[in-house]
Amino acid sequence: MCKQLTGANFDSAMCFINISPEAQSLMIDKQSQRSYQLHPTHLLTQATDKRVAAEAKYESISGRCTIPALSAVGFVGQ
């Protein structure tokens, strides 16, 4: 689905918004064993919120995503 977008080099995407003042973790069983990484924009030196690159995590074994407090995070799959 995402490959239909011009310039998109990924097959899937997951996006999260955490409005809590605490980091949040959730497990998405249907996403376990899949390969996701942070969207490349989070890794740019110009990224506004550096915490996302440092703290956001996706664990493929369990499908667990950890989202920093008060942040928006995108993970992409290839």
PDB file of N, CA and C in Angstrom:
ATOM      1  N   MET A   1       0.823  -1.191   0.000  1.00  0.00           N
ATOM      2  CA  MET A   1       0.000   0.000   0.000  1.00  0.00           C
ATOM      3  C   MET A   1       0.870   1.259   0.000  1.00  0.00           C
ATOM      4  N   CYS A   2       1.870   1.358   0.859  1.00  0.00           N
ATOM      5  CA  CYS A   2       2.693   2.568   0.935  1.00  0.00           C
ATOM      6  C   CYS A   2       3.553   2.752  -0.308  1.00  0.00           C
ATOM      7  N   LYS A   3       3.902   1.670  -0.985  1.00  0.00           N
ATOM      8  CA  LYS A   3       4.760   1.777  -2.166  1.00  0.00           C
ATOM      9  C   LYS A   3       4.076   2.556  -3.284  1.00  0.00           C
ATOM     10  N   GLN A   4       2.765   2.711  -3.218  1.00  0.00           N
ATOM     11  CA  GLN A   4       2.045   3.462  -4.231  1.00  0.00           C
ATOM     12  C   GLN A   4       2.311   4.965  -4.117  1.00  0.00           C
ATOM     13  N   LEU A   5       2.825   5.409  -3.004  1.00  0.00           N
ATOM     14  CA  LEU A   5       3.122   6.824  -2.801  1.00  0.00           C
ATOM     15  C   LEU A   5       4.466   7.158  -3.437  1.00  0.00           C
ATOM     16  N   THR A   6       4.528   8.231  -4.169  1.00  0.00           N
ATOM     17  CA  THR A   6       5.768   8.649  -4.811  1.00  0.00           C
ATOM     18  C   THR A   6       6.863   8.846  -3.757  1.00  0.00           C
ATOM     19  N   GLY A   7       8.001   8.197  -3.965  1.00  0.00           N
ATOM     20  CA  GLY A   7       9.133   8.345  -3.056  1.00  0.00           C
ATOM     21  C   GLY A   7       9.092   7.441  -1.841  1.00  0.00           C
ATOM     22  N   ALA A   8       8.008   6.725  -1.623  1.00  0.00           N
ATOM     23  CA  ALA A   8       7.922   5.828  -0.456  1.00  0.00           C
ATOM     24  C   ALA A   8       8.685   4.549  -0.757  1.00  0.00           C
ATOM     25  N   ASN A   9       9.569   4.179   0.127  1.00  0.00           N
ATOM     26  CA  ASN A   9      10.359   2.960  -0.053  1.00  0.00           C
ATOM     27  C   ASN A   9      10.062   1.957   1.040  1.00  0.00           C
ATOM     28  N   PHE A  10       8.808   1.893   1.453  1.00  0.00           N
ATOM     29  CA  PHE A  10       8.428   0.942   2.488  1.00  0.00           C
ATOM     30  C   PHE A  10       7.063   0.345   2.157  1.00  0.00           C
ATOM     31  N   ASP A  11       6.809  -0.833   2.724  1.00  0.00           N
ATOM     32  CA  ASP A  11       5.575  -1.568   2.453  1.00  0.00           C
ATOM     33  C   ASP A  11       4.439  -1.225   3.411  1.00  0.00           C
ATOM     34  N   SER A  12       4.791  -0.827   4.623  1.00  0.00           N
ATOM     35  CA  SER A  12       3.763  -0.579   5.634  1.00  0.00           C
ATOM     36  C   SER A  12       4.243   0.493   6.600  1.00  0.00           C
ATOM     37  N   ALA A  13       3.301   1.009   7.372  1.00  0.00           N
ATOM     38  CA  ALA A  13       3.635   2.052   8.348  1.00  0.00           C
ATOM     39  C   ALA A  13       2.728   1.931   9.568  1.00  0.00           C
ATOM     40  N   MET A  14       3.269   2.275  10.723  1.00  0.00           N
ATOM     41  CA  MET A  14       2.487   2.382  11.960  1.00  0.00           C
ATOM     42  C   MET A  14       2.790   3.755  12.542  1.00  0.00           C
ATOM     43  N   CYS A  15       1.752   4.480  12.928  1.00  0.00           N
ATOM     44  CA  CYS A  15       1.922   5.820  13.491  1.00  0.00           C
ATOM     45  C   CYS A  15       1.249   5.888  14.850  1.00  0.00           C
ATOM     46  N   PHE A  16       1.901   6.566  15.786  1.00  0.00           N
ATOM     47  CA  PHE A  16       1.401   6.677  17.147  1.00  0.00           C
ATOM     48  C   PHE A  16       1.526   8.114  17.630  1.00  0.00           C
ATOM     49  N   ILE A  17       0.560   8.544  18.421  1.00  0.00           N
ATOM     50  CA  ILE A  17       0.623   9.827  19.108  1.00  0.00           C
ATOM     51  C   ILE A  17       0.419   9.549  20.588  1.00  0.00           C
ATOM     52  N   ASN A  18       1.372   9.952  21.385  1.00  0.00           N
ATOM     53  CA  ASN A  18       1.293   9.759  22.829  1.00  0.00           C
ATOM     54  C   ASN A  18       1.067  11.120  23.480  1.00  0.00           C
ATOM     55  N   ILE A  19      -0.115  11.336  24.038  1.00  0.00           N
ATOM     56  CA  ILE A  19      -0.414  12.602  24.694  1.00  0.00           C
ATOM     57  C   ILE A  19      -0.210  12.531  26.205  1.00  0.00           C
ATOM     58  N   SER A  20       0.285  11.404  26.675  1.00  0.00           N
ATOM     59  CA  SER A  20       0.556  11.216  28.094  1.00  0.00           C
ATOM     60  C   SER A  20       1.901  11.836  28.478  1.00  0.00           C
ATOM     61  N   PRO A  21       2.033  12.329  29.713  1.00  0.00           N
ATOM     62  CA  PRO A  21       3.334  12.821  30.171  1.00  0.00           C
ATOM     63  C   PRO A  21       4.302  11.676  30.506  1.00  0.00           C
ATOM     64  N   GLU A  22       3.868  10.436  30.303  1.00  0.00           N
ATOM     65  CA  GLU A  22       4.688   9.248  30.553  1.00  0.00           C
ATOM     66  C   GLU A  22       4.879   8.479  29.242  1.00  0.00           C
ATOM     67  N   ALA A  23       6.021   7.830  29.093  1.00  0.00           N
ATOM     68  CA  ALA A  23       6.222   6.940  27.941  1.00  0.00           C
ATOM     69  C   ALA A  23       5.189   5.824  28.002  1.00  0.00           C
ATOM     70  N   GLN A  24       4.765   5.354  26.852  1.00  0.00           N
ATOM     71  CA  GLN A  24       3.770   4.289  26.778  1.00  0.00           C
ATOM     72  C   GLN A  24       4.312   3.130  25.946  1.00  0.00           C
ATOM     73  N   SER A  25       3.976   1.914  26.358  1.00  0.00           N
ATOM     74  CA  SER A  25       4.324   0.720  25.594  1.00  0.00           C
ATOM     75  C   SER A  25       3.053  -0.044  25.301  1.00  0.00           C
ATOM     76  N   LEU A  26       2.972  -0.597  24.116  1.00  0.00           N
ATOM     77  CA  LEU A  26       1.842  -1.448  23.780  1.00  0.00           C
ATOM     78  C   LEU A  26       2.321  -2.575  22.895  1.00  0.00           C
ATOM     79  N   MET A  27       1.652  -3.712  23.017  1.00  0.00           N
ATOM     80  CA  MET A  27       1.981  -4.866  22.197  1.00  0.00           C
ATOM     81  C   MET A  27       0.907  -5.035  21.142  1.00  0.00           C
ATOM     82  N   ILE A  28       1.347  -5.200  19.915  1.00  0.00           N
ATOM     83  CA  ILE A  28       0.435  -5.433  18.807  1.00  0.00           C
ATOM     84  C   ILE A  28       0.783  -6.813  18.259  1.00  0.00           C
ATOM     85  N   ASP A  29       0.066  -7.821  18.743  1.00  0.00           N
ATOM     86  CA  ASP A  29       0.386  -9.207  18.414  1.00  0.00           C
ATOM     87  C   ASP A  29       0.492  -9.450  16.907  1.00  0.00           C
ATOM     88  N   LYS A  30      -0.386  -8.852  16.138  1.00  0.00           N
ATOM     89  CA  LYS A  30      -0.386  -9.096  14.691  1.00  0.00           C
ATOM     90  C   LYS A  30       0.837  -8.509  13.994  1.00  0.00           C
ATOM     91  N   GLN A  31       1.588  -7.649  14.689  1.00  0.00           N
ATOM     92  CA  GLN A  31       2.791  -7.060  14.093  1.00  0.00           C
ATOM     93  C   GLN A  31       4.065  -7.763  14.556  1.00  0.00           C
ATOM     94  N   SER A  32       3.933  -8.751  15.439  1.00  0.00           N
ATOM     95  CA  SER A  32       5.140  -9.452  15.894  1.00  0.00           C
ATOM     96  C   SER A  32       5.755 -10.212  14.716  1.00  0.00           C
ATOM     97  N   GLN A  33       7.055 -10.376  14.801  1.00  0.00           N
ATOM     98  CA  GLN A  33       7.845 -11.043  13.764  1.00  0.00           C
ATOM     99  C   GLN A  33       7.958 -10.234  12.474  1.00  0.00           C
ATOM    100  N   ARG A  34       7.498  -9.001  12.470  1.00  0.00           N
ATOM    101  CA  ARG A  34       7.636  -8.129  11.298  1.00  0.00           C
ATOM    102  C   ARG A  34       8.793  -7.169  11.536  1.00  0.00           C
ATOM    103  N   SER A  35       9.360  -6.685  10.470  1.00  0.00           N
ATOM    104  CA  SER A  35      10.502  -5.789  10.561  1.00  0.00           C
ATOM    105  C   SER A  35      10.047  -4.341  10.390  1.00  0.00           C
ATOM    106  N   TYR A  36      10.155  -3.555  11.462  1.00  0.00           N
ATOM    107  CA  TYR A  36       9.852  -2.127  11.432  1.00  0.00           C
ATOM    108  C   TYR A  36      11.037  -1.358  11.987  1.00  0.00           C
ATOM    109  N   GLN A  37      11.223  -0.154  11.497  1.00  0.00           N
ATOM    110  CA  GLN A  37      12.216   0.760  12.058  1.00  0.00           C
ATOM    111  C   GLN A  37      11.611   2.156  12.063  1.00  0.00           C
ATOM    112  N   LEU A  38      12.248   3.054  12.786  1.00  0.00           N
ATOM    113  CA  LEU A  38      11.753   4.432  12.813  1.00  0.00           C
ATOM    114  C   LEU A  38      11.730   5.011  11.409  1.00  0.00           C
ATOM    115  N   HIS A  39      10.729   5.829  11.143  1.00  0.00           N
ATOM    116  CA  HIS A  39      10.687   6.527   9.854  1.00  0.00           C
ATOM    117  C   HIS A  39      11.951   7.382   9.747  1.00  0.00           C
ATOM    118  N   PRO A  40      12.569   7.437   8.571  1.00  0.00           N
ATOM    119  CA  PRO A  40      13.834   8.173   8.413  1.00  0.00           C
ATOM    120  C   PRO A  40      13.802   9.629   8.876  1.00  0.00           C
ATOM    121  N   THR A  41      12.659  10.283   8.847  1.00  0.00           N
ATOM    122  CA  THR A  41      12.618  11.682   9.276  1.00  0.00           C
ATOM    123  C   THR A  41      12.952  11.850  10.758  1.00  0.00           C
ATOM    124  N   HIS A  42      12.706  10.821  11.564  1.00  0.00           N
ATOM    125  CA  HIS A  42      13.052  10.895  12.997  1.00  0.00           C
ATOM    126  C   HIS A  42      14.558  10.875  13.212  1.00  0.00           C
ATOM    127  N   LEU A  43      15.301  10.379  12.243  1.00  0.00           N
ATOM    128  CA  LEU A  43      16.748  10.212  12.390  1.00  0.00           C
ATOM    129  C   LEU A  43      17.562  11.370  11.814  1.00  0.00           C
ATOM    130  N   LEU A  44      16.891  12.305  11.172  1.00  0.00           N
ATOM    131  CA  LEU A  44      17.582  13.460  10.592  1.00  0.00           C
ATOM    132  C   LEU A  44      18.139  14.367  11.686  1.00  0.00           C
ATOM    133  N   THR A  45      19.257  15.014  11.409  1.00  0.00           N
ATOM    134  CA  THR A  45      19.814  15.954  12.389  1.00  0.00           C
ATOM    135  C   THR A  45      18.867  17.137  12.607  1.00  0.00           C
ATOM    136  N   GLN A  46      18.008  17.425  11.624  1.00  0.00           N
ATOM    137  CA  GLN A  46      17.054  18.530  11.745  1.00  0.00           C
ATOM    138  C   GLN A  46      15.758  18.112  12.455  1.00  0.00           C
ATOM    139  N   ALA A  47      15.631  16.858  12.861  1.00  0.00           N
ATOM    140  CA  ALA A  47      14.406  16.398  13.530  1.00  0.00           C
ATOM    141  C   ALA A  47      14.136  17.267  14.752  1.00  0.00           C
ATOM    142  N   THR A  48      12.900  17.669  14.914  1.00  0.00           N
ATOM    143  CA  THR A  48      12.531  18.577  16.002  1.00  0.00           C
ATOM    144  C   THR A  48      12.647  17.920  17.369  1.00  0.00           C
ATOM    145  N   ASP A  49      12.164  16.683  17.487  1.00  0.00           N
ATOM    146  CA  ASP A  49      12.151  16.001  18.785  1.00  0.00           C
ATOM    147  C   ASP A  49      13.188  14.874  18.780  1.00  0.00           C
ATOM    148  N   LYS A  50      14.348  15.135  19.316  1.00  0.00           N
ATOM    149  CA  LYS A  50      15.449  14.170  19.339  1.00  0.00           C
ATOM    150  C   LYS A  50      15.156  12.964  20.239  1.00  0.00           C
ATOM    151  N   ARG A  51      14.211  13.121  21.159  1.00  0.00           N
ATOM    152  CA  ARG A  51      13.868  12.010  22.054  1.00  0.00           C
ATOM    153  C   ARG A  51      13.319  10.813  21.280  1.00  0.00           C
ATOM    154  N   VAL A  52      12.627  11.078  20.190  1.00  0.00           N
ATOM    155  CA  VAL A  52      12.028   9.977  19.427  1.00  0.00           C
ATOM    156  C   VAL A  52      13.119   9.024  18.944  1.00  0.00           C
ATOM    157  N   ALA A  53      14.171   9.533  18.332  1.00  0.00           N
ATOM    158  CA  ALA A  53      15.261   8.679  17.849  1.00  0.00           C
ATOM    159  C   ALA A  53      15.945   7.937  18.999  1.00  0.00           C
ATOM    160  N   ALA A  54      16.022   8.581  20.148  1.00  0.00           N
ATOM    161  CA  ALA A  54      16.718   7.984  21.291  1.00  0.00           C
ATOM    162  C   ALA A  54      15.850   7.006  22.078  1.00  0.00           C
ATOM    163  N   GLU A  55      14.536   7.239  22.134  1.00  0.00           N
ATOM    164  CA  GLU A  55      13.690   6.480  23.062  1.00  0.00           C
ATOM    165  C   GLU A  55      12.628   5.593  22.416  1.00  0.00           C
ATOM    166  N   ALA A  56      12.169   5.910  21.218  1.00  0.00           N
ATOM    167  CA  ALA A  56      11.130   5.102  20.587  1.00  0.00           C
ATOM    168  C   ALA A  56      11.726   3.766  20.166  1.00  0.00           C
ATOM    169  N   LYS A  57      10.979   2.693  20.410  1.00  0.00           N
ATOM    170  CA  LYS A  57      11.489   1.363  20.103  1.00  0.00           C
ATOM    171  C   LYS A  57      10.378   0.475  19.558  1.00  0.00           C
ATOM    172  N   TYR A  58      10.781  -0.451  18.692  1.00  0.00           N
ATOM    173  CA  TYR A  58       9.897  -1.514  18.222  1.00  0.00           C
ATOM    174  C   TYR A  58      10.643  -2.825  18.397  1.00  0.00           C
ATOM    175  N   GLU A  59      10.022  -3.780  19.096  1.00  0.00           N
ATOM    176  CA  GLU A  59      10.623  -5.093  19.316  1.00  0.00           C
ATOM    177  C   GLU A  59       9.886  -6.097  18.446  1.00  0.00           C
ATOM    178  N   SER A  60      10.565  -6.616  17.433  1.00  0.00           N
ATOM    179  CA  SER A  60       9.891  -7.498  16.479  1.00  0.00           C
ATOM    180  C   SER A  60       9.464  -8.835  17.093  1.00  0.00           C
ATOM    181  N   ILE A  61      10.179  -9.328  18.069  1.00  0.00           N
ATOM    182  CA  ILE A  61       9.827 -10.622  18.662  1.00  0.00           C
ATOM    183  C   ILE A  61       8.444 -10.581  19.294  1.00  0.00           C
ATOM    184  N   SER A  62       8.147  -9.505  20.014  1.00  0.00           N
ATOM    185  CA  SER A  62       6.872  -9.404  20.734  1.00  0.00           C
ATOM    186  C   SER A  62       5.850  -8.512  20.039  1.00  0.00           C
ATOM    187  N   GLY A  63       6.300  -7.637  19.134  1.00  0.00           N
ATOM    188  CA  GLY A  63       5.397  -6.654  18.542  1.00  0.00           C
ATOM    189  C   GLY A  63       5.176  -5.464  19.461  1.00  0.00           C
ATOM    190  N   ARG A  64       6.054  -5.286  20.450  1.00  0.00           N
ATOM    191  CA  ARG A  64       5.921  -4.184  21.416  1.00  0.00           C
ATOM    192  C   ARG A  64       6.510  -2.894  20.867  1.00  0.00           C
ATOM    193  N   CYS A  65       5.742  -1.815  20.984  1.00  0.00           N
ATOM    194  CA  CYS A  65       6.192  -0.474  20.607  1.00  0.00           C
ATOM    195  C   CYS A  65       6.285   0.362  21.872  1.00  0.00           C
ATOM    196  N   THR A  66       7.355   1.115  22.001  1.00  0.00           N
ATOM    197  CA  THR A  66       7.517   2.053  23.110  1.00  0.00           C
ATOM    198  C   THR A  66       7.570   3.451  22.517  1.00  0.00           C
ATOM    199  N   ILE A  67       6.690   4.313  23.013  1.00  0.00           N
ATOM    200  CA  ILE A  67       6.532   5.659  22.484  1.00  0.00           C
ATOM    201  C   ILE A  67       6.852   6.662  23.594  1.00  0.00           C
ATOM    202  N   PRO A  68       7.804   7.571  23.358  1.00  0.00           N
ATOM    203  CA  PRO A  68       8.148   8.561  24.386  1.00  0.00           C
ATOM    204  C   PRO A  68       6.955   9.451  24.758  1.00  0.00           C
ATOM    205  N   ALA A  69       7.014  10.020  25.940  1.00  0.00           N
ATOM    206  CA  ALA A  69       5.969  10.938  26.405  1.00  0.00           C
ATOM    207  C   ALA A  69       5.796  12.099  25.430  1.00  0.00           C
ATOM    208  N   LEU A  70       4.554  12.515  25.258  1.00  0.00           N
ATOM    209  CA  LEU A  70       4.230  13.710  24.474  1.00  0.00           C
ATOM    210  C   LEU A  70       4.945  13.733  23.120  1.00  0.00           C
ATOM    211  N   SER A  71       4.749  12.679  22.346  1.00  0.00           N
ATOM    212  CA  SER A  71       5.430  12.604  21.047  1.00  0.00           C
ATOM    213  C   SER A  71       4.545  11.962  19.986  1.00  0.00           C
ATOM    214  N   ALA A  72       4.947  12.146  18.749  1.00  0.00           N
ATOM    215  CA  ALA A  72       4.352  11.459  17.608  1.00  0.00           C
ATOM    216  C   ALA A  72       5.460  10.655  16.959  1.00  0.00           C
ATOM    217  N   VAL A  73       5.178   9.380  16.685  1.00  0.00           N
ATOM    218  CA  VAL A  73       6.205   8.463  16.187  1.00  0.00           C
ATOM    219  C   VAL A  73       5.673   7.670  15.008  1.00  0.00           C
ATOM    220  N   GLY A  74       6.504   7.512  14.000  1.00  0.00           N
ATOM    221  CA  GLY A  74       6.166   6.661  12.863  1.00  0.00           C
ATOM    222  C   GLY A  74       7.216   5.570  12.700  1.00  0.00           C
ATOM    223  N   PHE A  75       6.733   4.346  12.531  1.00  0.00           N
ATOM    224  CA  PHE A  75       7.600   3.212  12.200  1.00  0.00           C
ATOM    225  C   PHE A  75       7.230   2.748  10.799  1.00  0.00           C
ATOM    226  N   VAL A  76       8.216   2.340  10.022  1.00  0.00           N
ATOM    227  CA  VAL A  76       7.942   1.858   8.662  1.00  0.00           C
ATOM    228  C   VAL A  76       8.500   0.453   8.496  1.00  0.00           C
ATOM    229  N   GLY A  77       7.826  -0.324   7.665  1.00  0.00           N
ATOM    230  CA  GLY A  77       8.258  -1.687   7.375  1.00  0.00           C
ATOM    231  C   GLY A  77       8.708  -1.826   5.944  1.00  0.00           C
ATOM    232  N   GLN A  78       9.662  -2.698   5.726  1.00  0.00           N
ATOM    233  CA  GLN A  78      10.198  -2.889   4.377  1.00  0.00           C
ATOM    234  C   GLN A  78       9.870  -4.269   3.865  1.00  0.00           C
TER     235      GLN A  78
END
